[in-house]
N, C-alpha and C. Protein backbone atom coordinates (compact mmCIF):
# COMPACT_ATOMS: atom_id res chain seq x y z
N MET A 1 -28.56 145.09 78.94
CA MET A 1 -27.70 143.94 78.78
C MET A 1 -26.68 143.87 79.91
N CYS A 2 -26.07 145.05 80.20
CA CYS A 2 -25.06 145.11 81.26
C CYS A 2 -25.69 144.81 82.61
N SER A 3 -26.89 145.27 82.80
CA SER A 3 -27.54 145.04 84.08
C SER A 3 -27.83 143.55 84.28
N LYS A 4 -28.17 142.84 83.21
CA LYS A 4 -28.42 141.40 83.33
C LYS A 4 -27.13 140.67 83.71
N ILE A 5 -26.04 141.11 83.12
CA ILE A 5 -24.75 140.47 83.41
C ILE A 5 -24.34 140.74 84.85
N SER A 6 -24.53 142.00 85.31
CA SER A 6 -24.14 142.33 86.67
C SER A 6 -25.03 141.62 87.69
N LYS A 7 -26.34 141.45 87.37
CA LYS A 7 -27.23 140.72 88.27
C LYS A 7 -26.80 139.26 88.34
N ARG A 8 -26.47 138.72 87.18
CA ARG A 8 -26.05 137.31 87.12
C ARG A 8 -24.77 137.11 87.93
N MET A 9 -23.86 138.03 87.83
CA MET A 9 -22.60 137.93 88.58
C MET A 9 -22.87 138.05 90.07
N ALA A 10 -23.77 138.93 90.46
CA ALA A 10 -24.10 139.10 91.88
C ALA A 10 -24.74 137.83 92.43
N LEU A 11 -25.62 137.19 91.65
CA LEU A 11 -26.25 135.95 92.09
C LEU A 11 -25.21 134.83 92.23
N ASP A 12 -24.33 134.73 91.25
CA ASP A 12 -23.28 133.71 91.30
C ASP A 12 -22.37 133.92 92.50
N HIS A 13 -22.05 135.18 92.77
CA HIS A 13 -21.19 135.50 93.90
C HIS A 13 -21.87 135.13 95.22
N GLY A 14 -23.15 135.41 95.30
CA GLY A 14 -23.90 135.06 96.51
C GLY A 14 -23.97 133.57 96.70
N GLU A 15 -24.16 132.83 95.64
CA GLU A 15 -24.20 131.37 95.73
C GLU A 15 -22.87 130.82 96.21
N HIS A 16 -21.80 131.42 95.72
CA HIS A 16 -20.48 130.96 96.13
C HIS A 16 -20.23 131.24 97.60
N ARG A 17 -20.74 132.37 98.10
CA ARG A 17 -20.57 132.68 99.53
C ARG A 17 -21.28 131.65 100.38
N GLU A 18 -22.47 131.28 99.96
CA GLU A 18 -23.24 130.29 100.74
C GLU A 18 -22.54 128.94 100.72
N SER A 19 -21.99 128.55 99.54
CA SER A 19 -21.33 127.25 99.46
C SER A 19 -19.96 127.28 100.14
N ASP A 20 -19.37 128.48 100.28
CA ASP A 20 -18.07 128.61 100.92
C ASP A 20 -18.15 128.58 102.44
N ALA A 21 -19.34 128.58 102.99
CA ALA A 21 -19.49 128.62 104.45
C ALA A 21 -18.80 127.43 105.11
N GLY A 22 -18.83 126.25 104.49
CA GLY A 22 -18.19 125.08 105.07
C GLY A 22 -16.76 124.91 104.62
N LEU A 23 -16.26 125.75 103.74
CA LEU A 23 -14.93 125.60 103.18
C LEU A 23 -13.78 126.02 104.10
N PRO A 24 -13.94 126.98 105.00
CA PRO A 24 -12.78 127.38 105.79
C PRO A 24 -12.12 126.22 106.51
N GLY A 25 -12.89 125.32 107.02
CA GLY A 25 -12.30 124.16 107.69
C GLY A 25 -11.56 123.26 106.72
N ILE A 26 -12.17 123.06 105.54
CA ILE A 26 -11.55 122.21 104.52
C ILE A 26 -10.29 122.88 103.98
N LEU A 27 -10.38 124.19 103.70
CA LEU A 27 -9.21 124.91 103.19
C LEU A 27 -8.09 124.93 104.21
N GLY A 28 -8.44 125.07 105.47
CA GLY A 28 -7.42 125.08 106.52
C GLY A 28 -6.69 123.76 106.58
N LEU A 29 -7.44 122.65 106.49
CA LEU A 29 -6.82 121.32 106.51
C LEU A 29 -5.93 121.13 105.28
N GLU A 30 -6.42 121.59 104.13
CA GLU A 30 -5.67 121.45 102.89
C GLU A 30 -4.38 122.28 102.95
N MET A 31 -4.48 123.48 103.52
CA MET A 31 -3.29 124.32 103.64
C MET A 31 -2.27 123.69 104.57
N GLU A 32 -2.74 123.12 105.69
CA GLU A 32 -1.83 122.46 106.62
C GLU A 32 -1.15 121.27 105.95
N GLU A 33 -1.93 120.52 105.18
CA GLU A 33 -1.38 119.36 104.48
C GLU A 33 -0.31 119.81 103.46
N ASN A 34 -0.61 120.89 102.72
CA ASN A 34 0.35 121.39 101.74
C ASN A 34 1.62 121.91 102.43
N GLU A 35 1.47 122.57 103.57
CA GLU A 35 2.63 123.06 104.30
C GLU A 35 3.48 121.91 104.81
N LYS A 36 2.81 120.84 105.25
CA LYS A 36 3.53 119.66 105.72
C LYS A 36 4.31 119.02 104.57
N LYS A 37 3.66 118.92 103.39
CA LYS A 37 4.35 118.36 102.22
C LYS A 37 5.55 119.21 101.84
N LEU A 38 5.39 120.53 101.90
CA LEU A 38 6.48 121.44 101.57
C LEU A 38 7.64 121.27 102.54
N ALA A 39 7.33 121.17 103.83
CA ALA A 39 8.37 120.99 104.84
C ALA A 39 9.10 119.66 104.62
N ASP A 40 8.35 118.59 104.29
CA ASP A 40 8.97 117.30 104.02
C ASP A 40 9.88 117.38 102.79
N PHE A 41 9.40 118.08 101.77
CA PHE A 41 10.18 118.23 100.54
C PHE A 41 11.47 119.00 100.80
N GLU A 42 11.38 120.09 101.57
CA GLU A 42 12.57 120.88 101.89
C GLU A 42 13.55 120.04 102.71
N GLY A 43 13.02 119.23 103.62
CA GLY A 43 13.88 118.35 104.41
C GLY A 43 14.58 117.33 103.53
N GLN A 44 13.86 116.80 102.55
CA GLN A 44 14.44 115.83 101.64
C GLN A 44 15.55 116.47 100.80
N ILE A 45 15.32 117.68 100.33
CA ILE A 45 16.33 118.38 99.53
C ILE A 45 17.57 118.63 100.37
N GLU A 46 17.39 119.04 101.62
CA GLU A 46 18.53 119.28 102.50
C GLU A 46 19.30 117.99 102.73
N LYS A 47 18.59 116.89 102.91
CA LYS A 47 19.23 115.59 103.13
C LYS A 47 20.03 115.19 101.90
N GLU A 48 19.44 115.37 100.70
CA GLU A 48 20.13 115.01 99.47
C GLU A 48 21.35 115.89 99.23
N LYS A 49 21.26 117.16 99.60
CA LYS A 49 22.44 118.02 99.48
C LYS A 49 23.56 117.50 100.35
N ASN A 50 23.21 117.11 101.57
CA ASN A 50 24.21 116.61 102.50
C ASN A 50 24.80 115.29 102.02
N GLU A 51 24.00 114.50 101.32
CA GLU A 51 24.50 113.23 100.81
C GLU A 51 25.34 113.42 99.56
N GLY A 52 25.32 114.60 98.98
CA GLY A 52 26.16 114.86 97.83
C GLY A 52 25.49 114.60 96.50
N LEU A 53 24.18 114.42 96.48
CA LEU A 53 23.51 114.15 95.22
C LEU A 53 23.48 115.37 94.31
N PHE A 54 23.44 116.56 94.90
CA PHE A 54 23.42 117.77 94.08
C PHE A 54 24.83 118.23 93.70
N PHE A 55 25.77 118.07 94.63
CA PHE A 55 27.10 118.60 94.40
C PHE A 55 28.13 117.48 94.50
N LYS A 56 28.05 116.52 93.60
CA LYS A 56 28.96 115.38 93.65
C LYS A 56 30.41 115.81 93.46
N ASN A 57 30.65 116.82 92.65
CA ASN A 57 32.01 117.23 92.37
C ASN A 57 32.67 117.95 93.53
N LEU A 58 31.89 118.39 94.51
CA LEU A 58 32.45 119.12 95.63
C LEU A 58 32.89 118.21 96.77
N ARG A 59 32.56 116.96 96.66
CA ARG A 59 32.93 116.05 97.75
C ARG A 59 34.42 115.71 97.67
N GLU A 60 34.94 115.18 98.75
CA GLU A 60 36.34 114.79 98.81
C GLU A 60 36.55 113.55 97.94
N ARG A 61 37.64 113.55 97.22
CA ARG A 61 37.94 112.41 96.35
C ARG A 61 38.93 111.48 97.05
N THR A 62 38.83 110.22 96.69
CA THR A 62 39.77 109.26 97.24
C THR A 62 41.10 109.39 96.52
N ALA A 63 42.12 108.79 97.08
CA ALA A 63 43.45 108.86 96.48
C ALA A 63 43.45 108.19 95.10
N LYS A 64 42.70 107.12 94.97
CA LYS A 64 42.63 106.39 93.70
C LYS A 64 42.00 107.27 92.62
N GLU A 65 40.92 107.98 92.97
CA GLU A 65 40.26 108.86 92.00
C GLU A 65 41.18 109.99 91.58
N LYS A 66 41.96 110.52 92.54
CA LYS A 66 42.89 111.60 92.23
C LYS A 66 43.97 111.13 91.26
N VAL A 67 44.49 109.93 91.49
CA VAL A 67 45.52 109.38 90.61
C VAL A 67 44.96 109.15 89.21
N GLU A 68 43.75 108.60 89.13
CA GLU A 68 43.12 108.36 87.83
C GLU A 68 42.88 109.67 87.08
N ALA A 69 42.44 110.68 87.80
CA ALA A 69 42.19 111.98 87.17
C ALA A 69 43.50 112.60 86.68
N LYS A 70 44.56 112.44 87.44
CA LYS A 70 45.85 112.99 87.03
C LYS A 70 46.38 112.27 85.80
N GLU A 71 46.22 110.95 85.76
CA GLU A 71 46.66 110.18 84.59
C GLU A 71 45.87 110.59 83.35
N GLU A 72 44.58 110.77 83.52
CA GLU A 72 43.73 111.19 82.40
C GLU A 72 44.14 112.57 81.90
N MET A 73 44.46 113.46 82.82
CA MET A 73 44.90 114.80 82.45
C MET A 73 46.21 114.75 81.68
N GLU A 74 47.12 113.89 82.09
CA GLU A 74 48.40 113.75 81.38
C GLU A 74 48.19 113.19 79.98
N LYS A 75 47.28 112.23 79.84
CA LYS A 75 46.98 111.68 78.51
C LYS A 75 46.43 112.75 77.59
N ILE A 76 45.55 113.59 78.13
CA ILE A 76 44.97 114.66 77.32
C ILE A 76 46.03 115.66 76.91
N LYS A 77 46.95 115.99 77.82
CA LYS A 77 48.03 116.91 77.49
C LYS A 77 48.92 116.34 76.38
N GLU A 78 49.25 115.07 76.50
CA GLU A 78 50.10 114.44 75.49
C GLU A 78 49.41 114.42 74.13
N LEU A 79 48.14 114.08 74.12
CA LEU A 79 47.40 114.05 72.87
C LEU A 79 47.32 115.43 72.25
N THR A 80 47.12 116.44 73.07
CA THR A 80 47.08 117.82 72.58
C THR A 80 48.42 118.22 71.98
N LYS A 81 49.49 117.86 72.65
CA LYS A 81 50.82 118.20 72.14
C LYS A 81 51.12 117.47 70.82
N GLU A 82 50.68 116.23 70.73
CA GLU A 82 50.89 115.48 69.48
C GLU A 82 50.11 116.10 68.33
N ASN A 83 48.86 116.46 68.60
CA ASN A 83 48.03 117.05 67.55
C ASN A 83 48.47 118.46 67.19
N ALA A 84 48.99 119.19 68.17
CA ALA A 84 49.38 120.58 67.93
C ALA A 84 50.53 120.65 66.94
N GLY A 85 51.38 119.68 66.95
CA GLY A 85 52.56 119.72 66.09
C GLY A 85 52.39 119.02 64.77
N SER A 86 51.19 118.73 64.34
CA SER A 86 51.02 117.99 63.09
C SER A 86 51.37 118.86 61.89
N LYS A 87 51.92 118.22 60.88
CA LYS A 87 52.35 118.94 59.68
C LYS A 87 51.16 119.50 58.91
N VAL A 88 50.05 118.80 58.92
CA VAL A 88 48.88 119.26 58.18
C VAL A 88 48.39 120.59 58.75
N ARG A 89 48.33 120.67 60.07
CA ARG A 89 47.88 121.91 60.70
C ARG A 89 48.83 123.05 60.40
N LYS A 90 50.13 122.78 60.45
CA LYS A 90 51.10 123.83 60.15
C LYS A 90 50.94 124.31 58.70
N ASN A 91 50.72 123.38 57.79
CA ASN A 91 50.54 123.76 56.38
C ASN A 91 49.27 124.58 56.18
N ILE A 92 48.22 124.23 56.91
CA ILE A 92 46.98 125.01 56.82
C ILE A 92 47.22 126.43 57.32
N TYR A 93 47.94 126.56 58.43
CA TYR A 93 48.23 127.91 58.94
C TYR A 93 49.08 128.71 57.94
N LEU A 94 50.04 128.05 57.32
CA LEU A 94 50.85 128.75 56.33
C LEU A 94 50.00 129.22 55.15
N ALA A 95 49.08 128.38 54.71
CA ALA A 95 48.19 128.77 53.60
C ALA A 95 47.32 129.95 54.01
N LEU A 96 46.77 129.91 55.20
CA LEU A 96 45.92 131.02 55.67
C LEU A 96 46.72 132.31 55.83
N ILE A 97 47.95 132.17 56.33
CA ILE A 97 48.81 133.35 56.47
C ILE A 97 49.08 133.96 55.11
N SER A 98 49.37 133.11 54.12
CA SER A 98 49.65 133.65 52.78
C SER A 98 48.42 134.32 52.18
N VAL A 99 47.23 133.79 52.41
CA VAL A 99 46.00 134.41 51.90
C VAL A 99 45.79 135.77 52.55
N VAL A 100 46.03 135.87 53.84
CA VAL A 100 45.86 137.15 54.55
C VAL A 100 46.90 138.16 54.06
N VAL A 101 48.13 137.72 53.87
CA VAL A 101 49.17 138.63 53.37
C VAL A 101 48.80 139.15 51.98
N ILE A 102 48.29 138.27 51.12
CA ILE A 102 47.86 138.70 49.78
C ILE A 102 46.72 139.71 49.90
N GLY A 103 45.79 139.48 50.81
CA GLY A 103 44.70 140.43 51.03
C GLY A 103 45.19 141.78 51.50
N ILE A 104 46.18 141.77 52.39
CA ILE A 104 46.73 143.04 52.89
C ILE A 104 47.44 143.79 51.77
N THR A 105 48.27 143.08 51.01
CA THR A 105 48.98 143.76 49.92
C THR A 105 48.01 144.28 48.87
N ASP A 106 46.97 143.53 48.58
CA ASP A 106 45.96 143.97 47.62
C ASP A 106 45.27 145.24 48.12
N SER A 107 44.96 145.28 49.39
CA SER A 107 44.30 146.46 49.95
C SER A 107 45.22 147.67 49.94
N LEU A 108 46.51 147.45 50.18
CA LEU A 108 47.46 148.57 50.20
C LEU A 108 47.75 149.09 48.79
N ILE A 109 47.76 148.19 47.80
CA ILE A 109 48.07 148.58 46.42
C ILE A 109 46.89 149.29 45.76
N SER A 110 45.69 148.87 46.07
CA SER A 110 44.52 149.45 45.40
C SER A 110 44.40 150.93 45.73
N PRO A 111 43.92 151.73 44.74
CA PRO A 111 43.84 153.17 44.96
C PRO A 111 42.83 153.56 46.06
N SER A 112 41.81 152.79 46.26
CA SER A 112 40.83 153.11 47.30
C SER A 112 41.07 152.21 48.51
N SER A 113 42.27 152.32 49.06
CA SER A 113 42.62 151.43 50.17
C SER A 113 41.84 151.83 51.42
N ASP A 114 41.23 150.83 52.02
CA ASP A 114 40.47 151.04 53.24
C ASP A 114 41.35 150.62 54.42
N ARG A 115 41.73 151.56 55.23
CA ARG A 115 42.65 151.28 56.34
C ARG A 115 42.02 150.35 57.38
N ARG A 116 40.72 150.39 57.52
CA ARG A 116 40.07 149.49 58.49
C ARG A 116 40.23 148.03 58.05
N LYS A 117 40.10 147.79 56.74
CA LYS A 117 40.27 146.43 56.22
C LYS A 117 41.69 145.96 56.46
N VAL A 118 42.66 146.83 56.24
CA VAL A 118 44.06 146.47 56.46
C VAL A 118 44.29 146.19 57.94
N ALA A 119 43.69 146.98 58.82
CA ALA A 119 43.86 146.77 60.26
C ALA A 119 43.27 145.43 60.70
N VAL A 120 42.09 145.11 60.19
CA VAL A 120 41.45 143.83 60.55
C VAL A 120 42.27 142.67 60.02
N LEU A 121 42.70 142.76 58.78
CA LEU A 121 43.53 141.67 58.21
C LEU A 121 44.86 141.57 58.95
N GLY A 122 45.41 142.69 59.39
CA GLY A 122 46.64 142.66 60.18
C GLY A 122 46.45 141.95 61.50
N ALA A 123 45.32 142.19 62.14
CA ALA A 123 45.03 141.51 63.42
C ALA A 123 44.88 140.01 63.20
N ILE A 124 44.23 139.65 62.10
CA ILE A 124 44.07 138.22 61.79
C ILE A 124 45.43 137.61 61.50
N LEU A 125 46.28 138.35 60.80
CA LEU A 125 47.63 137.86 60.49
C LEU A 125 48.42 137.62 61.77
N VAL A 126 48.32 138.54 62.71
CA VAL A 126 49.02 138.37 63.99
C VAL A 126 48.51 137.12 64.71
N ALA A 127 47.21 136.89 64.69
CA ALA A 127 46.65 135.71 65.34
C ALA A 127 47.16 134.43 64.68
N PHE A 128 47.16 134.40 63.35
CA PHE A 128 47.66 133.21 62.65
C PHE A 128 49.15 133.00 62.91
N LEU A 129 49.92 134.07 62.91
CA LEU A 129 51.35 133.93 63.18
C LEU A 129 51.61 133.40 64.59
N SER A 130 50.88 133.90 65.56
CA SER A 130 51.09 133.42 66.93
C SER A 130 50.71 131.95 67.05
N GLN A 131 49.66 131.54 66.38
CA GLN A 131 49.26 130.13 66.41
C GLN A 131 50.30 129.26 65.70
N PHE A 132 50.84 129.75 64.60
CA PHE A 132 51.87 129.00 63.87
C PHE A 132 53.12 128.84 64.72
N ILE A 133 53.51 129.92 65.42
CA ILE A 133 54.68 129.84 66.31
C ILE A 133 54.42 128.84 67.43
N TYR A 134 53.21 128.83 67.96
CA TYR A 134 52.85 127.85 69.00
C TYR A 134 52.98 126.43 68.46
N GLU A 135 52.50 126.20 67.25
CA GLU A 135 52.61 124.87 66.62
C GLU A 135 54.07 124.47 66.47
N GLN A 136 54.92 125.42 66.04
CA GLN A 136 56.33 125.14 65.88
C GLN A 136 56.97 124.77 67.22
N ARG A 137 56.61 125.52 68.25
CA ARG A 137 57.16 125.26 69.58
C ARG A 137 56.75 123.86 70.07
N MET A 138 55.50 123.50 69.86
CA MET A 138 55.03 122.17 70.28
C MET A 138 55.77 121.07 69.52
N THR A 139 56.01 121.30 68.25
CA THR A 139 56.73 120.31 67.44
C THR A 139 58.15 120.13 67.96
N SER A 140 58.82 121.24 68.26
CA SER A 140 60.19 121.14 68.74
C SER A 140 60.25 120.47 70.12
N GLU A 141 59.29 120.79 70.99
CA GLU A 141 59.25 120.14 72.30
C GLU A 141 59.00 118.64 72.17
N ALA A 142 58.10 118.25 71.27
CA ALA A 142 57.82 116.83 71.06
C ALA A 142 59.06 116.12 70.51
N ALA A 143 59.79 116.79 69.62
CA ALA A 143 61.01 116.19 69.06
C ALA A 143 62.07 116.02 70.14
N GLU A 144 62.22 117.03 70.99
CA GLU A 144 63.18 116.94 72.09
C GLU A 144 62.83 115.82 73.05
N ARG A 145 61.55 115.68 73.36
CA ARG A 145 61.11 114.61 74.25
C ARG A 145 61.39 113.24 73.64
N THR A 146 61.14 113.12 72.36
CA THR A 146 61.38 111.85 71.68
C THR A 146 62.87 111.52 71.70
N GLU A 147 63.72 112.51 71.46
CA GLU A 147 65.17 112.29 71.49
C GLU A 147 65.63 111.88 72.88
N LYS A 148 65.10 112.51 73.91
CA LYS A 148 65.46 112.17 75.28
C LYS A 148 65.06 110.73 75.61
N GLU A 149 63.88 110.33 75.17
CA GLU A 149 63.41 108.98 75.42
C GLU A 149 64.30 107.96 74.71
N LYS A 150 64.71 108.29 73.48
CA LYS A 150 65.58 107.37 72.72
C LYS A 150 66.94 107.24 73.39
N THR A 151 67.51 108.35 73.85
CA THR A 151 68.81 108.29 74.51
C THR A 151 68.73 107.54 75.83
N GLU A 152 67.63 107.69 76.55
CA GLU A 152 67.47 106.95 77.80
C GLU A 152 67.32 105.46 77.54
N GLU A 153 66.64 105.10 76.47
CA GLU A 153 66.49 103.69 76.14
C GLU A 153 67.83 103.09 75.71
N GLU A 154 68.63 103.87 75.00
CA GLU A 154 69.94 103.40 74.56
C GLU A 154 70.89 103.21 75.73
N LYS A 155 70.76 104.07 76.74
CA LYS A 155 71.64 103.97 77.91
C LYS A 155 71.32 102.71 78.71
N GLU A 156 70.10 102.28 78.69
CA GLU A 156 69.69 101.10 79.48
C GLU A 156 70.16 99.90 78.77
């Protein structure tokens, strides 16, 4: 059985050699054509890079675009400051802080207190407290800004 397969493969291989006799010229032309297409493609990519199609953000911006971007950035900052000082968010942080404090006290009171649980809850408590302080600071800054604007309007 194996010998039949090997004979068949040898015959097929021989037939391919005979039919490949005229292929070197065709393959050479095809390879040259493919190399030319590749060179054209690489040239096109280089041209598009230079035109800024790949890296639009790296190009120089006009003065108008810079001003628009700066205005947009200021709007985003103002919106962030307004949202940061909302009473609902502060109340949510207070509720979460109280839940974490209850969890810590429960862990400390229980006879099988796990110090790792207390440490993790303590870290979470610190994170919530720092965020709450940030919210308070944003609220006070927004209030100060509003007062300044009102006094400036009254002076005019």
